[in-house]
């Protein structure tokens, strides 16, 4: 079984995907970490984020075994990842890696922006998670503060709105629900209530 959970930044899709993977007993891939890894490799090498050649080299060097969620989840890398993710050559370089993960024997759960539309359009279950920008900003601020990052609500909200616009308007794999995705608005739901809704969707399928 392949399950995809897409949505904008801080919608809760990552937490929901990880919890669902535990329940189903299948591996989980946060595809956003791949783009964060590309940005991280470029920044550590001192390469500008608009350097298409350097971005492609970094994408080809990404290794799933090296993805460190804690290190890659900072606010700065989120913005940087959004910038390299608009490059078609970067997305193309990472495509097979993600597709191979999705199609491994036994199934998988993937979360990201285009897992149900591009990575695994054949997925058995597709969910698109969203929430208002303001609620997502509060959630992300809480997460970043928990890691000791000094950032304001206004900065987080501005970053989320900027990333939403960039993700929706990019030419390659724009952020949008798959036609057969189930929409889940978590604006008024805490994580427990949202996960109960995800389980209902999976059980109905």
Protein backbone atom coordinates (compact mmCIF):
# COMPACT_ATOMS: atom_id res chain seq x y z
CA UNK A 1 0.00 0.00 0.00
CA UNK A 2 1.25 3.47 -0.93
CA UNK A 3 -0.12 6.46 0.97
CA UNK A 4 0.72 10.05 0.02
CA UNK A 5 0.13 13.03 2.29
CA UNK A 6 0.68 16.41 0.64
CA UNK A 7 0.15 19.95 1.80
CA UNK A 8 1.78 23.31 2.49
CA UNK A 9 4.40 24.05 5.13
CA UNK A 10 3.42 23.40 8.77
CA UNK A 11 0.06 21.87 7.87
CA UNK A 12 0.87 18.84 10.03
CA UNK A 13 1.44 16.43 7.16
CA UNK A 14 4.86 15.29 8.39
CA UNK A 15 3.67 14.35 11.87
CA UNK A 16 0.61 12.62 10.43
CA UNK A 17 2.74 10.68 7.94
CA UNK A 18 5.17 9.47 10.60
CA UNK A 19 2.36 8.34 12.89
CA UNK A 20 0.56 6.60 10.05
CA UNK A 21 3.76 4.81 9.06
CA UNK A 22 4.07 3.47 12.60
CA UNK A 23 0.49 2.19 12.57
CA UNK A 24 0.81 0.57 9.14
CA UNK A 25 4.31 -0.74 9.81
CA UNK A 26 5.78 0.76 6.64
CA UNK A 27 8.67 3.19 6.04
CA UNK A 28 8.03 6.92 5.76
CA UNK A 29 9.76 9.46 3.54
CA UNK A 30 9.54 13.20 4.18
CA UNK A 31 10.36 14.35 0.66
CA UNK A 32 10.87 17.91 1.86
CA UNK A 33 14.04 16.76 3.63
CA UNK A 34 15.55 15.98 0.24
CA UNK A 35 15.26 19.60 -0.85
CA UNK A 36 16.48 20.79 2.53
CA UNK A 37 19.48 18.49 2.07
CA UNK A 38 20.19 20.01 -1.36
CA UNK A 39 20.07 23.51 0.12
CA UNK A 40 22.21 22.44 3.07
CA UNK A 41 24.87 20.95 0.81
CA UNK A 42 24.98 24.14 -1.25
CA UNK A 43 25.18 26.47 1.73
CA UNK A 44 27.91 24.43 3.40
CA UNK A 45 29.88 24.54 0.13
CA UNK A 46 29.42 28.30 -0.07
CA UNK A 47 27.40 28.14 -3.29
CA UNK A 48 24.58 30.63 -3.96
CA UNK A 49 21.11 29.11 -3.94
CA UNK A 50 20.38 30.35 -7.47
CA UNK A 51 23.37 28.44 -8.91
CA UNK A 52 21.54 25.86 -11.03
CA UNK A 53 24.66 23.79 -11.74
CA UNK A 54 25.59 23.57 -8.05
CA UNK A 55 21.99 22.70 -7.16
CA UNK A 56 21.96 19.82 -9.64
CA UNK A 57 25.28 18.51 -8.29
CA UNK A 58 23.92 18.67 -4.75
CA UNK A 59 20.69 16.90 -5.75
CA UNK A 60 22.68 14.05 -7.30
CA UNK A 61 24.67 13.74 -4.06
CA UNK A 62 21.64 13.38 -1.76
CA UNK A 63 21.57 10.09 0.14
CA UNK A 64 18.46 8.94 2.01
CA UNK A 65 20.63 7.33 4.67
CA UNK A 66 22.20 10.70 5.49
CA UNK A 67 19.00 12.67 6.08
CA UNK A 68 19.05 14.14 9.59
CA UNK A 69 15.58 15.49 10.41
CA UNK A 70 16.70 17.40 13.50
CA UNK A 71 19.52 19.22 11.72
CA UNK A 72 17.60 19.86 8.51
CA UNK A 73 14.40 21.17 10.11
CA UNK A 74 15.55 24.70 10.93
CA UNK A 75 13.66 27.76 9.70
CA UNK A 76 16.49 28.98 7.49
CA UNK A 77 16.74 25.73 5.55
CA UNK A 78 13.01 25.74 4.94
CA UNK A 79 13.24 29.00 3.00
CA UNK A 80 16.41 27.83 1.23
CA UNK A 81 14.79 24.51 0.28
CA UNK A 82 11.82 26.35 -1.19
CA UNK A 83 14.19 28.26 -3.46
CA UNK A 84 16.01 25.24 -4.85
CA UNK A 85 12.77 23.22 -5.13
CA UNK A 86 11.54 25.46 -7.97
CA UNK A 87 14.39 24.24 -10.21
CA UNK A 88 13.10 21.58 -12.65
CA UNK A 89 16.53 19.94 -12.90
CA UNK A 90 16.67 19.48 -9.12
CA UNK A 91 13.23 17.92 -9.02
CA UNK A 92 14.10 15.63 -11.94
CA UNK A 93 17.32 14.50 -10.23
CA UNK A 94 15.42 13.54 -7.07
CA UNK A 95 12.44 11.94 -8.81
CA UNK A 96 13.69 8.36 -9.18
CA UNK A 97 14.97 8.31 -5.60
CA UNK A 98 11.49 9.12 -4.34
CA UNK A 99 9.70 6.81 -6.74
CA UNK A 100 11.92 3.87 -5.79
CA UNK A 101 11.12 4.52 -2.13
CA UNK A 102 7.38 4.63 -2.82
CA UNK A 103 7.40 1.38 -4.76
CA UNK A 104 9.42 -0.73 -2.36
CA UNK A 105 7.83 -4.08 -1.43
CA UNK A 106 5.37 -3.75 1.45
CA UNK A 107 4.41 -0.17 0.73
CA UNK A 108 5.34 3.23 2.09
CA UNK A 109 4.01 6.56 3.29
CA UNK A 110 5.32 9.72 1.63
CA UNK A 111 4.69 13.32 2.57
CA UNK A 112 5.55 16.45 0.67
CA UNK A 113 4.13 18.80 -1.93
CA UNK A 114 3.79 16.58 -5.01
CA UNK A 115 3.84 12.98 -3.80
CA UNK A 116 0.28 12.30 -4.94
CA UNK A 117 0.52 14.20 -8.22
CA UNK A 118 4.04 13.43 -9.48
CA UNK A 119 5.94 10.97 -7.28
CA UNK A 120 3.28 8.30 -6.82
CA UNK A 121 0.14 9.13 -8.81
CA UNK A 122 -0.73 5.43 -8.54
CA UNK A 123 -0.91 5.63 -4.72
CA UNK A 124 -3.73 3.70 -3.08
CA UNK A 125 -4.61 6.58 -0.76
CA UNK A 126 -3.94 10.28 -1.30
CA UNK A 127 -4.54 12.91 1.34
CA UNK A 128 -4.07 16.67 1.01
CA UNK A 129 -3.67 18.39 4.38
CA UNK A 130 -4.06 22.12 4.81
CA UNK A 131 -4.72 24.80 7.44
CA UNK A 132 -4.86 28.59 7.53
CA UNK A 133 -1.50 30.39 7.25
CA UNK A 134 -2.00 31.93 10.69
CA UNK A 135 -2.55 28.58 12.40
CA UNK A 136 0.39 27.06 10.54
CA UNK A 137 2.60 29.94 11.66
CA UNK A 138 1.69 29.33 15.30
CA UNK A 139 2.51 25.64 14.94
CA UNK A 140 5.85 26.29 13.24
CA UNK A 141 6.77 28.97 15.79
CA UNK A 142 6.10 26.50 18.61
CA UNK A 143 8.25 23.88 16.90
CA UNK A 144 11.15 26.26 16.28
CA UNK A 145 10.99 27.72 19.79
CA UNK A 146 11.18 24.19 21.15
CA UNK A 147 14.51 23.82 19.36
CA UNK A 148 15.77 27.10 20.78
CA UNK A 149 15.52 29.15 17.57
CA UNK A 150 14.92 32.87 18.12
CA UNK A 151 12.25 33.92 15.62
CA UNK A 152 9.03 35.94 15.79
CA UNK A 153 5.49 34.99 14.78
CA UNK A 154 5.55 37.72 12.11
CA UNK A 155 8.73 36.29 10.59
CA UNK A 156 7.31 32.77 10.52
CA UNK A 157 4.01 33.91 8.99
CA UNK A 158 5.83 35.90 6.31
CA UNK A 159 8.02 32.89 5.52
CA UNK A 160 5.00 30.58 5.24
CA UNK A 161 3.13 32.94 2.93
CA UNK A 162 6.21 33.39 0.75
CA UNK A 163 6.75 29.63 0.53
CA UNK A 164 3.07 29.00 -0.22
CA UNK A 165 3.22 31.41 -3.14
CA UNK A 166 6.48 29.98 -4.46
CA UNK A 167 5.27 26.38 -4.15
CA UNK A 168 1.94 27.07 -5.85
CA UNK A 169 3.40 29.09 -8.73
CA UNK A 170 6.48 27.04 -9.64
CA UNK A 171 6.42 25.55 -13.14
CA UNK A 172 7.63 22.11 -12.04
CA UNK A 173 5.26 20.09 -9.85
CA UNK A 174 3.31 22.99 -8.27
CA UNK A 175 1.64 22.45 -4.91
CA UNK A 176 -1.93 21.28 -5.53
CA UNK A 177 -4.16 18.40 -4.48
CA UNK A 178 -4.32 15.36 -6.73
CA UNK A 179 -7.78 15.11 -8.37
CA UNK A 180 -8.52 12.00 -6.30
CA UNK A 181 -7.02 13.23 -3.02
CA UNK A 182 -9.09 13.49 0.14
CA UNK A 183 -8.90 17.03 1.54
CA UNK A 184 -8.27 17.45 5.27
CA UNK A 185 -8.37 20.93 6.79
CA UNK A 186 -6.63 20.85 10.18
CA UNK A 187 -7.18 24.52 11.08
CA UNK A 188 -9.57 23.60 13.88
CA UNK A 189 -7.99 20.22 14.74
CA UNK A 190 -5.19 19.35 17.12
CA UNK A 191 -2.81 16.58 16.07
CA UNK A 192 -4.80 13.83 17.80
CA UNK A 193 -8.05 14.81 16.11
CA UNK A 194 -6.29 15.20 12.76
CA UNK A 195 -4.74 11.75 13.07
CA UNK A 196 -8.12 10.22 13.86
CA UNK A 197 -9.40 11.73 10.62
CA UNK A 198 -6.44 10.27 8.71
CA UNK A 199 -7.16 6.84 10.13
CA UNK A 200 -10.80 7.15 9.06
CA UNK A 201 -9.69 7.98 5.53
CA UNK A 202 -7.33 5.01 5.44
CA UNK A 203 -9.92 2.61 6.85
CA UNK A 204 -12.55 3.76 4.35
CA UNK A 205 -10.11 3.09 1.54
